[in-house]
C-alpha atoms as a PDB file:
ATOM      1  CA  MET A   1       0.000   0.000   0.000  1.00  0.00           C
ATOM      2  CA  GLU A   2       1.473   3.313  -1.003  1.00  0.00           C
ATOM      3  CA  ARG A   3       2.081   6.028   1.563  1.00  0.00           C
ATOM      4  CA  ARG A   4      -0.470   8.429   0.022  1.00  0.00           C
ATOM      5  CA  GLU A   5      -3.160   5.750  -0.069  1.00  0.00           C
ATOM      6  CA  TYR A   6      -2.403   4.778   3.537  1.00  0.00           C
ATOM      7  CA  ARG A   7      -2.818   8.412   4.663  1.00  0.00           C
ATOM      8  CA  ARG A   8      -6.160   8.599   2.834  1.00  0.00           C
ATOM      9  CA  ILE A   9      -7.397   5.391   4.449  1.00  0.00           C
ATOM     10  CA  LYS A  10      -6.318   6.544   7.910  1.00  0.00           C
ATOM     11  CA  LYS A  11      -8.700   9.505   7.525  1.00  0.00           C
ATOM     12  CA  ALA A  12     -11.569   7.396   6.187  1.00  0.00           C
ATOM     13  CA  HIS A  13     -14.656   6.433   8.135  1.00  0.00           C
ATOM     14  CA  PHE A  14     -15.084   2.715   8.671  1.00  0.00           C
ATOM     15  CA  GLY A  15     -18.650   1.933   9.631  1.00  0.00           C
ATOM     16  CA  GLY A  16     -20.916  -1.077   9.389  1.00  0.00           C
ATOM     17  CA  ALA A  17     -20.605  -1.786   5.672  1.00  0.00           C
ATOM     18  CA  ASN A  18     -16.826  -1.860   5.456  1.00  0.00           C
ATOM     19  CA  LYS A  19     -15.811  -3.128   8.899  1.00  0.00           C
ATOM     20  CA  ILE A  20     -15.844  -6.590  10.438  1.00  0.00           C
ATOM     21  CA  ASP A  21     -15.107  -7.295  14.083  1.00  0.00           C
ATOM     22  CA  LEU A  22     -13.903 -10.836  14.752  1.00  0.00           C
ATOM     23  CA  HIS A  23     -13.637 -10.440  18.544  1.00  0.00           C
ATOM     24  CA  GLY A  24     -15.028 -13.339  20.517  1.00  0.00           C
ATOM     25  CA  LYS A  25     -15.093 -15.773  17.604  1.00  0.00           C
ATOM     26  CA  SER A  26     -13.214 -19.046  17.414  1.00  0.00           C
ATOM     27  CA  LYS A  27     -10.617 -19.416  14.651  1.00  0.00           C
ATOM     28  CA  GLU A  28     -13.061 -21.392  12.513  1.00  0.00           C
ATOM     29  CA  GLN A  29     -15.934 -18.948  13.058  1.00  0.00           C
ATOM     30  CA  ALA A  30     -13.677 -15.985  12.321  1.00  0.00           C
ATOM     31  CA  LEU A  31     -12.391 -17.498   9.071  1.00  0.00           C
ATOM     32  CA  ARG A  32     -15.920 -18.291   7.867  1.00  0.00           C
ATOM     33  CA  ALA A  33     -17.077 -14.774   8.731  1.00  0.00           C
ATOM     34  CA  LEU A  34     -14.062 -13.214   7.015  1.00  0.00           C
ATOM     35  CA  ARG A  35     -14.610 -15.250   3.831  1.00  0.00           C
ATOM     36  CA  ALA A  36     -18.236 -14.162   3.615  1.00  0.00           C
ATOM     37  CA  PHE A  37     -17.432 -10.541   4.458  1.00  0.00           C
ATOM     38  CA  VAL A  38     -14.613 -10.211   1.918  1.00  0.00           C
ATOM     39  CA  LYS A  39     -16.755 -11.685  -0.861  1.00  0.00           C
ATOM     40  CA  ALA A  40     -19.749  -9.489  -0.009  1.00  0.00           C
ATOM     41  CA  SER A  41     -17.555  -6.382   0.257  1.00  0.00           C
ATOM     42  CA  TYR A  42     -15.921  -7.113  -3.100  1.00  0.00           C
ATOM     43  CA  HIS A  43     -19.270  -7.663  -4.819  1.00  0.00           C
ATOM     44  CA  SER A  44     -20.565  -4.427  -3.253  1.00  0.00           C
ATOM     45  CA  GLY A  45     -17.719  -2.559  -4.925  1.00  0.00           C
ATOM     46  CA  LEU A  46     -15.790  -1.647  -1.777  1.00  0.00           C
ATOM     47  CA  ARG A  47     -12.079  -1.027  -2.257  1.00  0.00           C
ATOM     48  CA  GLU A  48     -10.906  -1.293   1.345  1.00  0.00           C
ATOM     49  CA  ILE A  49     -12.189  -2.858   4.513  1.00  0.00           C
ATOM     50  CA  LEU A  50     -11.230  -2.769   8.164  1.00  0.00           C
ATOM     51  CA  VAL A  51     -10.721  -6.136   9.847  1.00  0.00           C
ATOM     52  CA  VAL A  52     -10.687  -5.975  13.650  1.00  0.00           C
ATOM     53  CA  THR A  53      -8.968  -9.003  15.157  1.00  0.00           C
ATOM     54  CA  GLY A  54      -8.039  -7.614  18.542  1.00  0.00           C
ATOM     55  CA  ARG A  55      -4.576  -8.001  19.986  1.00  0.00           C
ATOM     56  CA  GLY A  56      -5.366 -11.161  21.882  1.00  0.00           C
ATOM     57  CA  ARG A  57      -6.304 -11.918  25.450  1.00  0.00           C
ATOM     58  CA  LYS A  58      -3.694 -10.946  28.029  1.00  0.00           C
ATOM     59  CA  VAL A  59      -0.950 -10.762  25.428  1.00  0.00           C
ATOM     60  CA  TRP A  60       1.229  -8.735  27.760  1.00  0.00           C
ATOM     61  CA  GLU A  61       1.001 -11.384  30.482  1.00  0.00           C
ATOM     62  CA  TRP A  62       1.758 -14.396  28.327  1.00  0.00           C
ATOM     63  CA  GLY A  63       4.659 -12.776  26.528  1.00  0.00           C
ATOM     64  CA  LYS A  64       3.233 -13.724  23.124  1.00  0.00           C
ATOM     65  CA  PRO A  65       3.543 -11.153  20.361  1.00  0.00           C
ATOM     66  CA  GLU A  66      -0.146 -11.292  19.429  1.00  0.00           C
ATOM     67  CA  GLY A  67      -3.388 -13.232  19.675  1.00  0.00           C
ATOM     68  CA  VAL A  68      -4.530 -16.152  17.555  1.00  0.00           C
ATOM     69  CA  LEU A  69      -6.868 -14.198  15.251  1.00  0.00           C
ATOM     70  CA  HIS A  70      -4.369 -11.372  14.869  1.00  0.00           C
ATOM     71  CA  ARG A  71      -1.589 -13.801  13.978  1.00  0.00           C
ATOM     72  CA  SER A  72      -3.818 -15.762  11.563  1.00  0.00           C
ATOM     73  CA  LEU A  73      -5.051 -12.894   9.409  1.00  0.00           C
ATOM     74  CA  THR A  74      -2.187 -12.823   6.890  1.00  0.00           C
ATOM     75  CA  THR A  75      -2.506 -16.578   6.361  1.00  0.00           C
ATOM     76  CA  TRP A  76      -6.258 -16.292   5.949  1.00  0.00           C
ATOM     77  CA  LEU A  77      -5.835 -13.633   3.271  1.00  0.00           C
ATOM     78  CA  GLU A  78      -3.957 -16.281   1.254  1.00  0.00           C
ATOM     79  CA  ASP A  79      -6.913 -18.689   1.555  1.00  0.00           C
ATOM     80  CA  LYS A  80      -8.149 -19.876  -1.856  1.00  0.00           C
ATOM     81  CA  GLU A  81     -11.596 -18.377  -1.202  1.00  0.00           C
ATOM     82  CA  ILE A  82     -10.254 -14.972  -0.117  1.00  0.00           C
ATOM     83  CA  ALA A  83      -7.034 -14.409  -2.101  1.00  0.00           C
ATOM     84  CA  PRO A  84      -8.711 -13.613  -5.453  1.00  0.00           C
ATOM     85  CA  TYR A  85     -10.430 -10.605  -3.858  1.00  0.00           C
ATOM     86  CA  VAL A  86      -7.602  -8.993  -1.862  1.00  0.00           C
ATOM     87  CA  ILE A  87      -4.404  -7.090  -2.577  1.00  0.00           C
ATOM     88  CA  PRO A  88      -1.772  -8.121  -0.033  1.00  0.00           C
ATOM     89  CA  PRO A  89      -0.303  -7.210   2.352  1.00  0.00           C
ATOM     90  CA  PRO A  90      -2.695  -5.811   4.962  1.00  0.00           C
ATOM     91  CA  ARG A  91      -1.613  -2.668   6.827  1.00  0.00           C
ATOM     92  CA  GLN A  92      -1.954  -2.122  10.536  1.00  0.00           C
ATOM     93  CA  ALA A  93      -4.766   0.299  11.281  1.00  0.00           C
ATOM     94  CA  ASN A  94      -4.407   3.781  12.676  1.00  0.00           C
ATOM     95  CA  ILE A  95      -5.098   4.095  16.409  1.00  0.00           C
ATOM     96  CA  SER A  96      -8.448   5.746  15.600  1.00  0.00           C
ATOM     97  CA  HIS A  97      -9.526   2.538  13.797  1.00  0.00           C
ATOM     98  CA  GLY A  98      -8.231   0.022  16.330  1.00  0.00           C
ATOM     99  CA  GLY A  99      -4.442   0.342  16.171  1.00  0.00           C
ATOM    100  CA  GLU A 100      -2.569  -2.892  16.811  1.00  0.00           C
ATOM    101  CA  GLY A 101      -5.783  -4.886  16.925  1.00  0.00           C
ATOM    102  CA  ALA A 102      -7.044  -3.977  13.444  1.00  0.00           C
ATOM    103  CA  TRP A 103      -5.949  -4.144   9.821  1.00  0.00           C
ATOM    104  CA  TYR A 104      -6.684  -2.289   6.600  1.00  0.00           C
ATOM    105  CA  VAL A 105      -7.239  -4.739   3.759  1.00  0.00           C
ATOM    106  CA  ARG A 106      -7.415  -3.536   0.164  1.00  0.00           C
ATOM    107  CA  LEU A 107      -9.775  -5.253  -2.236  1.00  0.00           C
ATOM    108  CA  ARG A 108      -9.285  -5.658  -5.955  1.00  0.00           C
ATOM    109  CA  SER A 109     -11.505  -3.615  -8.196  1.00  0.00           C
ATOM    110  CA  ARG A 110     -14.345  -5.450  -9.820  1.00  0.00           C
ATOM    111  CA  ILE A 111     -14.041  -6.146 -13.504  1.00  0.00           C
ATOM    112  CA  ARG A 112     -17.145  -4.807 -15.134  1.00  0.00           C
ATOM    113  CA  SER A 113     -18.243  -6.225 -18.427  1.00  0.00           C
ATOM    114  CA  ARG A 114     -18.818  -3.601 -21.080  1.00  0.00           C
ATOM    115  CA  SER A 115     -21.842  -3.948 -23.246  1.00  0.00           C
ATOM    116  CA  LYS A 116     -21.455  -3.323 -26.928  1.00  0.00           C
ATOM    117  CA  GLY A 117     -23.400  -0.376 -27.999  1.00  0.00           C
END
């Protein structure tokens, strides 16, 4: 993601249509939800989404660098059902959008068929 695009996204508003919060979900539930959300967002014509994974429970106490969902996101974006819709890599979100516990994910633009006319 280019610096100028990242600055633009940091100022954007991420509301219900372009934000998914995976807090409280198991790994399997989170992956299913992410697959459905990415596909729906792509087909709605969105170009970027905010994925909130959280930092993980008591990360600072366990000495682990991050939580399970947070750590899994980059692998999930390579999933065969998600990869065709995303432009890697994700970028860590600005503090106003969740900071270390959230990611900006860019989506590919939809290819529109042109009618002959």
